[in-house]
Structure formats: structure tokens, C-alpha cells
Amino acid sequence: MKQQYETMHWKGSFKHQFITFMLMWLSWKHKYETPH
């Protein structure tokens, strides 16, 4: 049971990091694609 919880926690944290990275990349891309 403990191992299953740790696996779920690891996947959850990985998903959180991935979403954070995507948001950062999208905002960076938008900033540089927008004409000044």
C-alpha cells in the first residue's frame, strides 16, 4: 500500500511540474511572438 501511494505521489508531482513547465513555455513563446 505504501509503495502504491508513493507511485501516485511521484506521478502527481511529475504532472504538476510538467504543467508548470508548459505554462512557463507558453507565456515565454507568447511574449516573443507578440510584435512590440
C-alpha atoms as a PDB file:
ATOM      1  CA  MET A   1       0.000   0.000   0.000  1.00  0.00           C
ATOM      2  CA  LYS A   2       2.810   2.378   0.851  1.00  0.00           C
ATOM      3  CA  GLN A   3       4.544   1.778  -2.479  1.00  0.00           C
ATOM      4  CA  GLN A   4       1.342   2.423  -4.407  1.00  0.00           C
ATOM      5  CA  TYR A   5       0.892   5.744  -2.599  1.00  0.00           C
ATOM      6  CA  GLU A   6       4.478   6.776  -3.363  1.00  0.00           C
ATOM      7  CA  THR A   7       3.996   5.957  -7.041  1.00  0.00           C
ATOM      8  CA  MET A   8       0.815   8.045  -7.148  1.00  0.00           C
ATOM      9  CA  HIS A   9       2.598  10.900  -5.379  1.00  0.00           C
ATOM     10  CA  TRP A  10       5.515  10.770  -7.833  1.00  0.00           C
ATOM     11  CA  LYS A  11       3.202  10.803 -10.843  1.00  0.00           C
ATOM     12  CA  GLY A  12       1.236  13.690  -9.347  1.00  0.00           C
ATOM     13  CA  SER A  13       4.335  15.776  -8.719  1.00  0.00           C
ATOM     14  CA  PHE A  14       5.638  14.998 -12.218  1.00  0.00           C
ATOM     15  CA  LYS A  15       2.323  16.117 -13.723  1.00  0.00           C
ATOM     16  CA  HIS A  16       2.463  19.308 -11.651  1.00  0.00           C
ATOM     17  CA  GLN A  17       5.996  20.084 -12.853  1.00  0.00           C
ATOM     18  CA  PHE A  18       5.013  19.355 -16.454  1.00  0.00           C
ATOM     19  CA  ILE A  19       2.008  21.718 -16.283  1.00  0.00           C
ATOM     20  CA  THR A  20       4.170  24.424 -14.685  1.00  0.00           C
ATOM     21  CA  PHE A  21       6.771  23.999 -17.437  1.00  0.00           C
ATOM     22  CA  MET A  22       4.128  24.192 -20.168  1.00  0.00           C
ATOM     23  CA  LEU A  23       2.652  27.385 -18.716  1.00  0.00           C
ATOM     24  CA  MET A  24       6.099  28.985 -18.496  1.00  0.00           C
ATOM     25  CA  TRP A  25       6.901  27.949 -22.086  1.00  0.00           C
ATOM     26  CA  LEU A  26       3.589  29.236 -23.436  1.00  0.00           C
ATOM     27  CA  SER A  27       3.976  32.616 -21.718  1.00  0.00           C
ATOM     28  CA  TRP A  28       7.583  32.879 -22.975  1.00  0.00           C
ATOM     29  CA  LYS A  29       6.521  31.931 -26.507  1.00  0.00           C
ATOM     30  CA  HIS A  30       3.656  34.438 -26.434  1.00  0.00           C
ATOM     31  CA  LYS A  31       5.971  37.188 -25.168  1.00  0.00           C
ATOM     32  CA  TYR A  32       8.402  36.712 -28.039  1.00  0.00           C
ATOM     33  CA  GLU A  33       5.792  36.157 -30.739  1.00  0.00           C
ATOM     34  CA  THR A  34       3.829  39.309 -29.887  1.00  0.00           C
ATOM     35  CA  PRO A  35       5.038  42.252 -32.009  1.00  0.00           C
ATOM     36  CA  HIS A  36       6.409  45.090 -29.905  1.00  0.00           C
END
